[in-house]
Amino acid sequence: MLRKIRALDDKQLLRGVWWNTGLFAVVFLLLSYLAGDHDYVSYSTAVIILIAVYIPGLILLLAMYLKADADTRRAYNLRIGLVAAAGILIAAWRYLN
């Protein structure tokens, strides 16, 4: 599996991430409209669909992390740490309120 990831070109990975980000944004807006204003889709179904759309992007980002050199990995580690800290703060804030 790692050989296949390392064989991919950086442009292919980046193009895949951009397409996944665009698809996620469109699906997010569509589900927000359908689940929020009109109740055509339940909230739990919308969350499951969004998770299913987001997972390929996470796999692509993991592939980019595995393919990166040491300096780029340090930058990725900083970003991962900031996202994890923000997630913990949001979860704690929602739990306390």
PDB file of N, CA and C in Angstrom:
ATOM      1  N   MET A   1       0.826  -1.194   0.000  1.00  0.00           N
ATOM      2  CA  MET A   1       0.000   0.000   0.000  1.00  0.00           C
ATOM      3  C   MET A   1       0.870   1.259   0.000  1.00  0.00           C
ATOM      4  N   LEU A   2       1.920   1.249   0.812  1.00  0.00           N
ATOM      5  CA  LEU A   2       2.802   2.420   0.857  1.00  0.00           C
ATOM      6  C   LEU A   2       3.513   2.640  -0.469  1.00  0.00           C
ATOM      7  N   ARG A   3       3.827   1.566  -1.173  1.00  0.00           N
ATOM      8  CA  ARG A   3       4.470   1.721  -2.483  1.00  0.00           C
ATOM      9  C   ARG A   3       3.531   2.401  -3.473  1.00  0.00           C
ATOM     10  N   LYS A   4       2.252   2.053  -3.410  1.00  0.00           N
ATOM     11  CA  LYS A   4       1.280   2.686  -4.302  1.00  0.00           C
ATOM     12  C   LYS A   4       1.131   4.174  -3.978  1.00  0.00           C
ATOM     13  N   ILE A   5       1.130   4.497  -2.685  1.00  0.00           N
ATOM     14  CA  ILE A   5       1.001   5.899  -2.277  1.00  0.00           C
ATOM     15  C   ILE A   5       2.218   6.686  -2.727  1.00  0.00           C
ATOM     16  N   ARG A   6       3.395   6.138  -2.529  1.00  0.00           N
ATOM     17  CA  ARG A   6       4.619   6.843  -2.917  1.00  0.00           C
ATOM     18  C   ARG A   6       4.760   6.956  -4.431  1.00  0.00           C
ATOM     19  N   ALA A   7       4.087   6.055  -5.168  1.00  0.00           N
ATOM     20  CA  ALA A   7       4.150   6.109  -6.631  1.00  0.00           C
ATOM     21  C   ALA A   7       3.262   7.214  -7.202  1.00  0.00           C
ATOM     22  N   LEU A   8       2.292   7.689  -6.437  1.00  0.00           N
ATOM     23  CA  LEU A   8       1.410   8.749  -6.929  1.00  0.00           C
ATOM     24  C   LEU A   8       2.169  10.063  -7.045  1.00  0.00           C
ATOM     25  N   ASP A   9       1.802  10.826  -8.027  1.00  0.00           N
ATOM     26  CA  ASP A   9       2.405  12.131  -8.249  1.00  0.00           C
ATOM     27  C   ASP A   9       1.771  13.146  -7.290  1.00  0.00           C
ATOM     28  N   ASP A  10       2.547  14.150  -6.881  1.00  0.00           N
ATOM     29  CA  ASP A  10       2.027  15.173  -5.977  1.00  0.00           C
ATOM     30  C   ASP A  10       0.857  15.934  -6.591  1.00  0.00           C
ATOM     31  N   LYS A  11       0.924  16.161  -7.901  1.00  0.00           N
ATOM     32  CA  LYS A  11      -0.168  16.875  -8.571  1.00  0.00           C
ATOM     33  C   LYS A  11      -1.455  16.058  -8.537  1.00  0.00           C
ATOM     34  N   GLN A  12      -1.346  14.751  -8.667  1.00  0.00           N
ATOM     35  CA  GLN A  12      -2.534  13.897  -8.601  1.00  0.00           C
ATOM     36  C   GLN A  12      -3.169  13.969  -7.217  1.00  0.00           C
ATOM     37  N   LEU A  13      -2.347  13.905  -6.185  1.00  0.00           N
ATOM     38  CA  LEU A  13      -2.873  13.984  -4.828  1.00  0.00           C
ATOM     39  C   LEU A  13      -3.533  15.330  -4.566  1.00  0.00           C
ATOM     40  N   LEU A  14      -2.872  16.402  -4.979  1.00  0.00           N
ATOM     41  CA  LEU A  14      -3.417  17.735  -4.754  1.00  0.00           C
ATOM     42  C   LEU A  14      -4.710  17.946  -5.540  1.00  0.00           C
ATOM     43  N   ARG A  15      -4.752  17.458  -6.770  1.00  0.00           N
ATOM     44  CA  ARG A  15      -5.974  17.569  -7.569  1.00  0.00           C
ATOM     45  C   ARG A  15      -7.112  16.792  -6.906  1.00  0.00           C
ATOM     46  N   GLY A  16      -6.804  15.633  -6.370  1.00  0.00           N
ATOM     47  CA  GLY A  16      -7.817  14.848  -5.669  1.00  0.00           C
ATOM     48  C   GLY A  16      -8.339  15.546  -4.431  1.00  0.00           C
ATOM     49  N   VAL A  17      -7.444  16.192  -3.691  1.00  0.00           N
ATOM     50  CA  VAL A  17      -7.867  16.931  -2.497  1.00  0.00           C
ATOM     51  C   VAL A  17      -8.766  18.097  -2.885  1.00  0.00           C
ATOM     52  N   TRP A  18      -8.412  18.820  -3.950  1.00  0.00           N
ATOM     53  CA  TRP A  18      -9.241  19.947  -4.385  1.00  0.00           C
ATOM     54  C   TRP A  18     -10.617  19.490  -4.844  1.00  0.00           C
ATOM     55  N   TRP A  19     -10.674  18.404  -5.610  1.00  0.00           N
ATOM     56  CA  TRP A  19     -11.964  17.890  -6.055  1.00  0.00           C
ATOM     57  C   TRP A  19     -12.800  17.425  -4.873  1.00  0.00           C
ATOM     58  N   ASN A  20     -12.165  16.770  -3.909  1.00  0.00           N
ATOM     59  CA  ASN A  20     -12.902  16.314  -2.742  1.00  0.00           C
ATOM     60  C   ASN A  20     -13.405  17.488  -1.913  1.00  0.00           C
ATOM     61  N   THR A  21     -12.601  18.539  -1.796  1.00  0.00           N
ATOM     62  CA  THR A  21     -13.020  19.717  -1.045  1.00  0.00           C
ATOM     63  C   THR A  21     -14.218  20.392  -1.724  1.00  0.00           C
ATOM     64  N   GLY A  22     -14.165  20.520  -3.036  1.00  0.00           N
ATOM     65  CA  GLY A  22     -15.287  21.112  -3.765  1.00  0.00           C
ATOM     66  C   GLY A  22     -16.548  20.276  -3.652  1.00  0.00           C
ATOM     67  N   LEU A  23     -16.414  18.962  -3.799  1.00  0.00           N
ATOM     68  CA  LEU A  23     -17.559  18.069  -3.660  1.00  0.00           C
ATOM     69  C   LEU A  23     -18.149  18.150  -2.261  1.00  0.00           C
ATOM     70  N   PHE A  24     -17.280  18.183  -1.245  1.00  0.00           N
ATOM     71  CA  PHE A  24     -17.755  18.283   0.131  1.00  0.00           C
ATOM     72  C   PHE A  24     -18.517  19.585   0.352  1.00  0.00           C
ATOM     73  N   ALA A  25     -18.021  20.687  -0.192  1.00  0.00           N
ATOM     74  CA  ALA A  25     -18.703  21.974  -0.028  1.00  0.00           C
ATOM     75  C   ALA A  25     -20.078  21.964  -0.676  1.00  0.00           C
ATOM     76  N   VAL A  26     -20.169  21.404  -1.881  1.00  0.00           N
ATOM     77  CA  VAL A  26     -21.463  21.348  -2.578  1.00  0.00           C
ATOM     78  C   VAL A  26     -22.444  20.449  -1.813  1.00  0.00           C
ATOM     79  N   VAL A  27     -21.985  19.285  -1.388  1.00  0.00           N
ATOM     80  CA  VAL A  27     -22.854  18.365  -0.647  1.00  0.00           C
ATOM     81  C   VAL A  27     -23.263  18.993   0.687  1.00  0.00           C
ATOM     82  N   PHE A  28     -22.337  19.686   1.345  1.00  0.00           N
ATOM     83  CA  PHE A  28     -22.653  20.341   2.612  1.00  0.00           C
ATOM     84  C   PHE A  28     -23.743  21.400   2.435  1.00  0.00           C
ATOM     85  N   LEU A  29     -23.610  22.237   1.414  1.00  0.00           N
ATOM     86  CA  LEU A  29     -24.625  23.268   1.177  1.00  0.00           C
ATOM     87  C   LEU A  29     -25.970  22.656   0.799  1.00  0.00           C
ATOM     88  N   LEU A  30     -25.947  21.628  -0.028  1.00  0.00           N
ATOM     89  CA  LEU A  30     -27.183  20.968  -0.431  1.00  0.00           C
ATOM     90  C   LEU A  30     -27.879  20.317   0.767  1.00  0.00           C
ATOM     91  N   LEU A  31     -27.113  19.604   1.581  1.00  0.00           N
ATOM     92  CA  LEU A  31     -27.705  18.966   2.751  1.00  0.00           C
ATOM     93  C   LEU A  31     -28.152  19.983   3.795  1.00  0.00           C
ATOM     94  N   SER A  32     -27.445  21.083   3.913  1.00  0.00           N
ATOM     95  CA  SER A  32     -27.875  22.133   4.832  1.00  0.00           C
ATOM     96  C   SER A  32     -29.229  22.685   4.412  1.00  0.00           C
ATOM     97  N   TYR A  33     -29.407  22.858   3.123  1.00  0.00           N
ATOM     98  CA  TYR A  33     -30.684  23.355   2.610  1.00  0.00           C
ATOM     99  C   TYR A  33     -31.795  22.325   2.805  1.00  0.00           C
ATOM    100  N   LEU A  34     -31.509  21.074   2.433  1.00  0.00           N
ATOM    101  CA  LEU A  34     -32.544  20.046   2.510  1.00  0.00           C
ATOM    102  C   LEU A  34     -32.875  19.638   3.943  1.00  0.00           C
ATOM    103  N   ALA A  35     -31.873  19.556   4.793  1.00  0.00           N
ATOM    104  CA  ALA A  35     -32.114  19.122   6.171  1.00  0.00           C
ATOM    105  C   ALA A  35     -32.521  20.287   7.066  1.00  0.00           C
ATOM    106  N   GLY A  36     -32.073  21.480   6.753  1.00  0.00           N
ATOM    107  CA  GLY A  36     -32.344  22.605   7.633  1.00  0.00           C
ATOM    108  C   GLY A  36     -33.677  23.268   7.382  1.00  0.00           C
ATOM    109  N   ASP A  37     -33.906  23.722   6.172  1.00  0.00           N
ATOM    110  CA  ASP A  37     -35.109  24.496   5.890  1.00  0.00           C
ATOM    111  C   ASP A  37     -36.343  23.623   5.661  1.00  0.00           C
ATOM    112  N   HIS A  38     -36.165  22.502   4.992  1.00  0.00           N
ATOM    113  CA  HIS A  38     -37.326  21.751   4.540  1.00  0.00           C
ATOM    114  C   HIS A  38     -37.536  20.422   5.251  1.00  0.00           C
ATOM    115  N   ASP A  39     -36.583  19.972   6.021  1.00  0.00           N
ATOM    116  CA  ASP A  39     -36.662  18.681   6.724  1.00  0.00           C
ATOM    117  C   ASP A  39     -36.910  17.504   5.783  1.00  0.00           C
ATOM    118  N   TYR A  40     -36.349  17.556   4.586  1.00  0.00           N
ATOM    119  CA  TYR A  40     -36.432  16.426   3.673  1.00  0.00           C
ATOM    120  C   TYR A  40     -35.474  15.312   4.088  1.00  0.00           C
ATOM    121  N   VAL A  41     -34.401  15.680   4.764  1.00  0.00           N
ATOM    122  CA  VAL A  41     -33.386  14.731   5.210  1.00  0.00           C
ATOM    123  C   VAL A  41     -33.206  14.940   6.708  1.00  0.00           C
ATOM    124  N   SER A  42     -33.124  13.851   7.449  1.00  0.00           N
ATOM    125  CA  SER A  42     -32.914  13.998   8.892  1.00  0.00           C
ATOM    126  C   SER A  42     -31.476  14.435   9.180  1.00  0.00           C
ATOM    127  N   TYR A  43     -31.277  14.973  10.355  1.00  0.00           N
ATOM    128  CA  TYR A  43     -29.955  15.460  10.737  1.00  0.00           C
ATOM    129  C   TYR A  43     -28.938  14.313  10.784  1.00  0.00           C
ATOM    130  N   SER A  44     -29.324  13.185  11.355  1.00  0.00           N
ATOM    131  CA  SER A  44     -28.379  12.071  11.470  1.00  0.00           C
ATOM    132  C   SER A  44     -27.999  11.518  10.096  1.00  0.00           C
ATOM    133  N   THR A  45     -28.951  11.474   9.163  1.00  0.00           N
ATOM    134  CA  THR A  45     -28.640  11.016   7.813  1.00  0.00           C
ATOM    135  C   THR A  45     -27.691  11.984   7.113  1.00  0.00           C
ATOM    136  N   ALA A  46     -27.908  13.286   7.309  1.00  0.00           N
ATOM    137  CA  ALA A  46     -27.029  14.293   6.709  1.00  0.00           C
ATOM    138  C   ALA A  46     -25.604  14.164   7.242  1.00  0.00           C
ATOM    139  N   VAL A  47     -25.473  13.916   8.536  1.00  0.00           N
ATOM    140  CA  VAL A  47     -24.134  13.759   9.129  1.00  0.00           C
ATOM    141  C   VAL A  47     -23.443  12.524   8.567  1.00  0.00           C
ATOM    142  N   ILE A  48     -24.159  11.432   8.422  1.00  0.00           N
ATOM    143  CA  ILE A  48     -23.576  10.199   7.872  1.00  0.00           C
ATOM    144  C   ILE A  48     -23.132  10.417   6.423  1.00  0.00           C
ATOM    145  N   ILE A  49     -23.954  11.099   5.635  1.00  0.00           N
ATOM    146  CA  ILE A  49     -23.586  11.378   4.236  1.00  0.00           C
ATOM    147  C   ILE A  49     -22.341  12.265   4.182  1.00  0.00           C
ATOM    148  N   LEU A  50     -22.280  13.285   5.040  1.00  0.00           N
ATOM    149  CA  LEU A  50     -21.105  14.168   5.048  1.00  0.00           C
ATOM    150  C   LEU A  50     -19.841  13.424   5.456  1.00  0.00           C
ATOM    151  N   ILE A  51     -19.957  12.521   6.419  1.00  0.00           N
ATOM    152  CA  ILE A  51     -18.794  11.727   6.819  1.00  0.00           C
ATOM    153  C   ILE A  51     -18.340  10.849   5.657  1.00  0.00           C
ATOM    154  N   ALA A  52     -19.300  10.248   4.958  1.00  0.00           N
ATOM    155  CA  ALA A  52     -18.954   9.390   3.811  1.00  0.00           C
ATOM    156  C   ALA A  52     -18.281  10.182   2.692  1.00  0.00           C
ATOM    157  N   VAL A  53     -18.669  11.427   2.512  1.00  0.00           N
ATOM    158  CA  VAL A  53     -18.052  12.261   1.475  1.00  0.00           C
ATOM    159  C   VAL A  53     -16.680  12.749   1.932  1.00  0.00           C
ATOM    160  N   TYR A  54     -16.470  12.926   3.233  1.00  0.00           N
ATOM    161  CA  TYR A  54     -15.229  13.486   3.736  1.00  0.00           C
ATOM    162  C   TYR A  54     -14.105  12.459   3.880  1.00  0.00           C
ATOM    163  N   ILE A  55     -14.441  11.195   4.058  1.00  0.00           N
ATOM    164  CA  ILE A  55     -13.425  10.157   4.290  1.00  0.00           C
ATOM    165  C   ILE A  55     -12.398  10.045   3.147  1.00  0.00           C
ATOM    166  N   PRO A  56     -12.795  10.087   1.866  1.00  0.00           N
ATOM    167  CA  PRO A  56     -11.759  10.036   0.812  1.00  0.00           C
ATOM    168  C   PRO A  56     -10.770  11.200   0.889  1.00  0.00           C
ATOM    169  N   GLY A  57     -11.228  12.370   1.291  1.00  0.00           N
ATOM    170  CA  GLY A  57     -10.324  13.503   1.470  1.00  0.00           C
ATOM    171  C   GLY A  57      -9.326  13.259   2.589  1.00  0.00           C
ATOM    172  N   LEU A  58      -9.781  12.647   3.667  1.00  0.00           N
ATOM    173  CA  LEU A  58      -8.855  12.316   4.751  1.00  0.00           C
ATOM    174  C   LEU A  58      -7.814  11.302   4.300  1.00  0.00           C
ATOM    175  N   ILE A  59      -8.231  10.355   3.500  1.00  0.00           N
ATOM    176  CA  ILE A  59      -7.281   9.366   2.983  1.00  0.00           C
ATOM    177  C   ILE A  59      -6.249  10.039   2.075  1.00  0.00           C
ATOM    178  N   LEU A  60      -6.693  10.978   1.248  1.00  0.00           N
ATOM    179  CA  LEU A  60      -5.755  11.710   0.392  1.00  0.00           C
ATOM    180  C   LEU A  60      -4.785  12.552   1.221  1.00  0.00           C
ATOM    181  N   LEU A  61      -5.292  13.196   2.272  1.00  0.00           N
ATOM    182  CA  LEU A  61      -4.409  13.990   3.131  1.00  0.00           C
ATOM    183  C   LEU A  61      -3.409  13.101   3.861  1.00  0.00           C
ATOM    184  N   LEU A  62      -3.833  11.920   4.275  1.00  0.00           N
ATOM    185  CA  LEU A  62      -2.912  10.973   4.898  1.00  0.00           C
ATOM    186  C   LEU A  62      -1.841  10.532   3.906  1.00  0.00           C
ATOM    187  N   ALA A  63      -2.244  10.313   2.657  1.00  0.00           N
ATOM    188  CA  ALA A  63      -1.274   9.939   1.622  1.00  0.00           C
ATOM    189  C   ALA A  63      -0.267  11.066   1.398  1.00  0.00           C
ATOM    190  N   MET A  64      -0.727  12.312   1.408  1.00  0.00           N
ATOM    191  CA  MET A  64       0.191  13.440   1.250  1.00  0.00           C
ATOM    192  C   MET A  64       1.149  13.520   2.440  1.00  0.00           C
ATOM    193  N   TYR A  65       0.653  13.222   3.643  1.00  0.00           N
ATOM    194  CA  TYR A  65       1.510  13.240   4.834  1.00  0.00           C
ATOM    195  C   TYR A  65       2.577  12.156   4.743  1.00  0.00           C
ATOM    196  N   LEU A  66       2.185  10.967   4.314  1.00  0.00           N
ATOM    197  CA  LEU A  66       3.149   9.868   4.215  1.00  0.00           C
ATOM    198  C   LEU A  66       4.203  10.125   3.148  1.00  0.00           C
ATOM    199  N   LYS A  67       3.836  10.857   2.117  1.00  0.00           N
ATOM    200  CA  LYS A  67       4.751  11.121   1.010  1.00  0.00           C
ATOM    201  C   LYS A  67       5.677  12.308   1.280  1.00  0.00           C
ATOM    202  N   ALA A  68       5.361  13.114   2.278  1.00  0.00           N
ATOM    203  CA  ALA A  68       6.089  14.361   2.516  1.00  0.00           C
ATOM    204  C   ALA A  68       7.470  14.114   3.127  1.00  0.00           C
ATOM    205  N   ASP A  69       8.331  15.140   2.983  1.00  0.00           N
ATOM    206  CA  ASP A  69       9.642  15.076   3.608  1.00  0.00           C
ATOM    207  C   ASP A  69       9.532  15.556   5.064  1.00  0.00           C
ATOM    208  N   ALA A  70      10.662  15.589   5.776  1.00  0.00           N
ATOM    209  CA  ALA A  70      10.650  15.874   7.213  1.00  0.00           C
ATOM    210  C   ALA A  70      10.160  17.292   7.529  1.00  0.00           C
ATOM    211  N   ASP A  71      10.585  18.288   6.756  1.00  0.00           N
ATOM    212  CA  ASP A  71      10.159  19.668   7.032  1.00  0.00           C
ATOM    213  C   ASP A  71       8.658  19.845   6.810  1.00  0.00           C
ATOM    214  N   THR A  72       8.161  19.254   5.750  1.00  0.00           N
ATOM    215  CA  THR A  72       6.727  19.357   5.468  1.00  0.00           C
ATOM    216  C   THR A  72       5.923  18.611   6.515  1.00  0.00           C
ATOM    217  N   ARG A  73       6.437  17.489   6.997  1.00  0.00           N
ATOM    218  CA  ARG A  73       5.737  16.752   8.055  1.00  0.00           C
ATOM    219  C   ARG A  73       5.650  17.565   9.334  1.00  0.00           C
ATOM    220  N   ARG A  74       6.689  18.304   9.652  1.00  0.00           N
ATOM    221  CA  ARG A  74       6.636  19.166  10.844  1.00  0.00           C
ATOM    222  C   ARG A  74       5.540  20.213  10.714  1.00  0.00           C
ATOM    223  N   ALA A  75       5.400  20.778   9.529  1.00  0.00           N
ATOM    224  CA  ALA A  75       4.328  21.753   9.291  1.00  0.00           C
ATOM    225  C   ALA A  75       2.962  21.077   9.395  1.00  0.00           C
ATOM    226  N   TYR A  76       2.845  19.876   8.844  1.00  0.00           N
ATOM    227  CA  TYR A  76       1.592  19.135   8.952  1.00  0.00           C
ATOM    228  C   TYR A  76       1.287  18.800  10.412  1.00  0.00           C
ATOM    229  N   ASN A  77       2.318  18.425  11.185  1.00  0.00           N
ATOM    230  CA  ASN A  77       2.107  18.113  12.602  1.00  0.00           C
ATOM    231  C   ASN A  77       1.562  19.321  13.355  1.00  0.00           C
ATOM    232  N   LEU A  78       2.063  20.508  13.040  1.00  0.00           N
ATOM    233  CA  LEU A  78       1.558  21.723  13.674  1.00  0.00           C
ATOM    234  C   LEU A  78       0.086  21.932  13.329  1.00  0.00           C
ATOM    235  N   ARG A  79      -0.257  21.758  12.082  1.00  0.00           N
ATOM    236  CA  ARG A  79      -1.659  21.925  11.663  1.00  0.00           C
ATOM    237  C   ARG A  79      -2.559  20.887  12.312  1.00  0.00           C
ATOM    238  N   ILE A  80      -2.094  19.646  12.360  1.00  0.00           N
ATOM    239  CA  ILE A  80      -2.881  18.582  12.997  1.00  0.00           C
ATOM    240  C   ILE A  80      -3.089  18.901  14.475  1.00  0.00           C
ATOM    241  N   GLY A  81      -2.057  19.394  15.135  1.00  0.00           N
ATOM    242  CA  GLY A  81      -2.175  19.765  16.549  1.00  0.00           C
ATOM    243  C   GLY A  81      -3.161  20.900  16.765  1.00  0.00           C
ATOM    244  N   LEU A  82      -3.127  21.899  15.885  1.00  0.00           N
ATOM    245  CA  LEU A  82      -4.071  23.012  16.012  1.00  0.00           C
ATOM    246  C   LEU A  82      -5.512  22.562  15.784  1.00  0.00           C
ATOM    247  N   VAL A  83      -5.722  21.700  14.816  1.00  0.00           N
ATOM    248  CA  VAL A  83      -7.074  21.194  14.564  1.00  0.00           C
ATOM    249  C   VAL A  83      -7.556  20.339  15.731  1.00  0.00           C
ATOM    250  N   ALA A  84      -6.681  19.509  16.275  1.00  0.00           N
ATOM    251  CA  ALA A  84      -7.064  18.681  17.421  1.00  0.00           C
ATOM    252  C   ALA A  84      -7.390  19.549  18.635  1.00  0.00           C
ATOM    253  N   ALA A  85      -6.593  20.585  18.877  1.00  0.00           N
ATOM    254  CA  ALA A  85      -6.859  21.483  20.006  1.00  0.00           C
ATOM    255  C   ALA A  85      -8.188  22.209  19.819  1.00  0.00           C
ATOM    256  N   ALA A  86      -8.461  22.673  18.614  1.00  0.00           N
ATOM    257  CA  ALA A  86      -9.735  23.345  18.345  1.00  0.00           C
ATOM    258  C   ALA A  86     -10.897  22.377  18.537  1.00  0.00           C
ATOM    259  N   GLY A  87     -10.747  21.142  18.089  1.00  0.00           N
ATOM    260  CA  GLY A  87     -11.805  20.146  18.275  1.00  0.00           C
ATOM    261  C   GLY A  87     -12.075  19.855  19.731  1.00  0.00           C
ATOM    262  N   ILE A  88     -11.013  19.764  20.518  1.00  0.00           N
ATOM    263  CA  ILE A  88     -11.180  19.522  21.958  1.00  0.00           C
ATOM    264  C   ILE A  88     -11.863  20.713  22.626  1.00  0.00           C
ATOM    265  N   LEU A  89     -11.462  21.925  22.257  1.00  0.00           N
ATOM    266  CA  LEU A  89     -12.087  23.116  22.843  1.00  0.00           C
ATOM    267  C   LEU A  89     -13.570  23.212  22.470  1.00  0.00           C
ATOM    268  N   ILE A  90     -13.900  22.918  21.228  1.00  0.00           N
ATOM    269  CA  ILE A  90     -15.301  22.970  20.802  1.00  0.00           C
ATOM    270  C   ILE A  90     -16.120  21.894  21.515  1.00  0.00           C
ATOM    271  N   ALA A  91     -15.573  20.691  21.622  1.00  0.00           N
ATOM    272  CA  ALA A  91     -16.282  19.613  22.317  1.00  0.00           C
ATOM    273  C   ALA A  91     -16.501  19.966  23.789  1.00  0.00           C
ATOM    274  N   ALA A  92     -15.471  20.528  24.440  1.00  0.00           N
ATOM    275  CA  ALA A  92     -15.604  20.923  25.850  1.00  0.00           C
ATOM    276  C   ALA A  92     -16.621  22.046  25.995  1.00  0.00           C
ATOM    277  N   TRP A  93     -16.585  23.014  25.089  1.00  0.00           N
ATOM    278  CA  TRP A  93     -17.546  24.124  25.158  1.00  0.00           C
ATOM    279  C   TRP A  93     -18.974  23.635  24.984  1.00  0.00           C
ATOM    280  N   ARG A  94     -19.170  22.713  24.044  1.00  0.00           N
ATOM    281  CA  ARG A  94     -20.532  22.182  23.825  1.00  0.00           C
ATOM    282  C   ARG A  94     -20.979  21.329  25.006  1.00  0.00           C
ATOM    283  N   TYR A  95     -20.052  20.596  25.623  1.00  0.00           N
ATOM    284  CA  TYR A  95     -20.405  19.774  26.768  1.00  0.00           C
ATOM    285  C   TYR A  95     -20.767  20.620  27.980  1.00  0.00           C
ATOM    286  N   LEU A  96     -20.038  21.717  28.181  1.00  0.00           N
ATOM    287  CA  LEU A  96     -20.286  22.563  29.351  1.00  0.00           C
ATOM    288  C   LEU A  96     -21.509  23.451  29.194  1.00  0.00           C
ATOM    289  N   ASN A  97     -21.953  23.679  27.985  1.00  0.00           N
ATOM    290  CA  ASN A  97     -23.143  24.542  27.788  1.00  0.00           C
ATOM    291  C   ASN A  97     -24.362  23.750  27.616  1.00  0.00           C
TER     292      ASN A  97
END
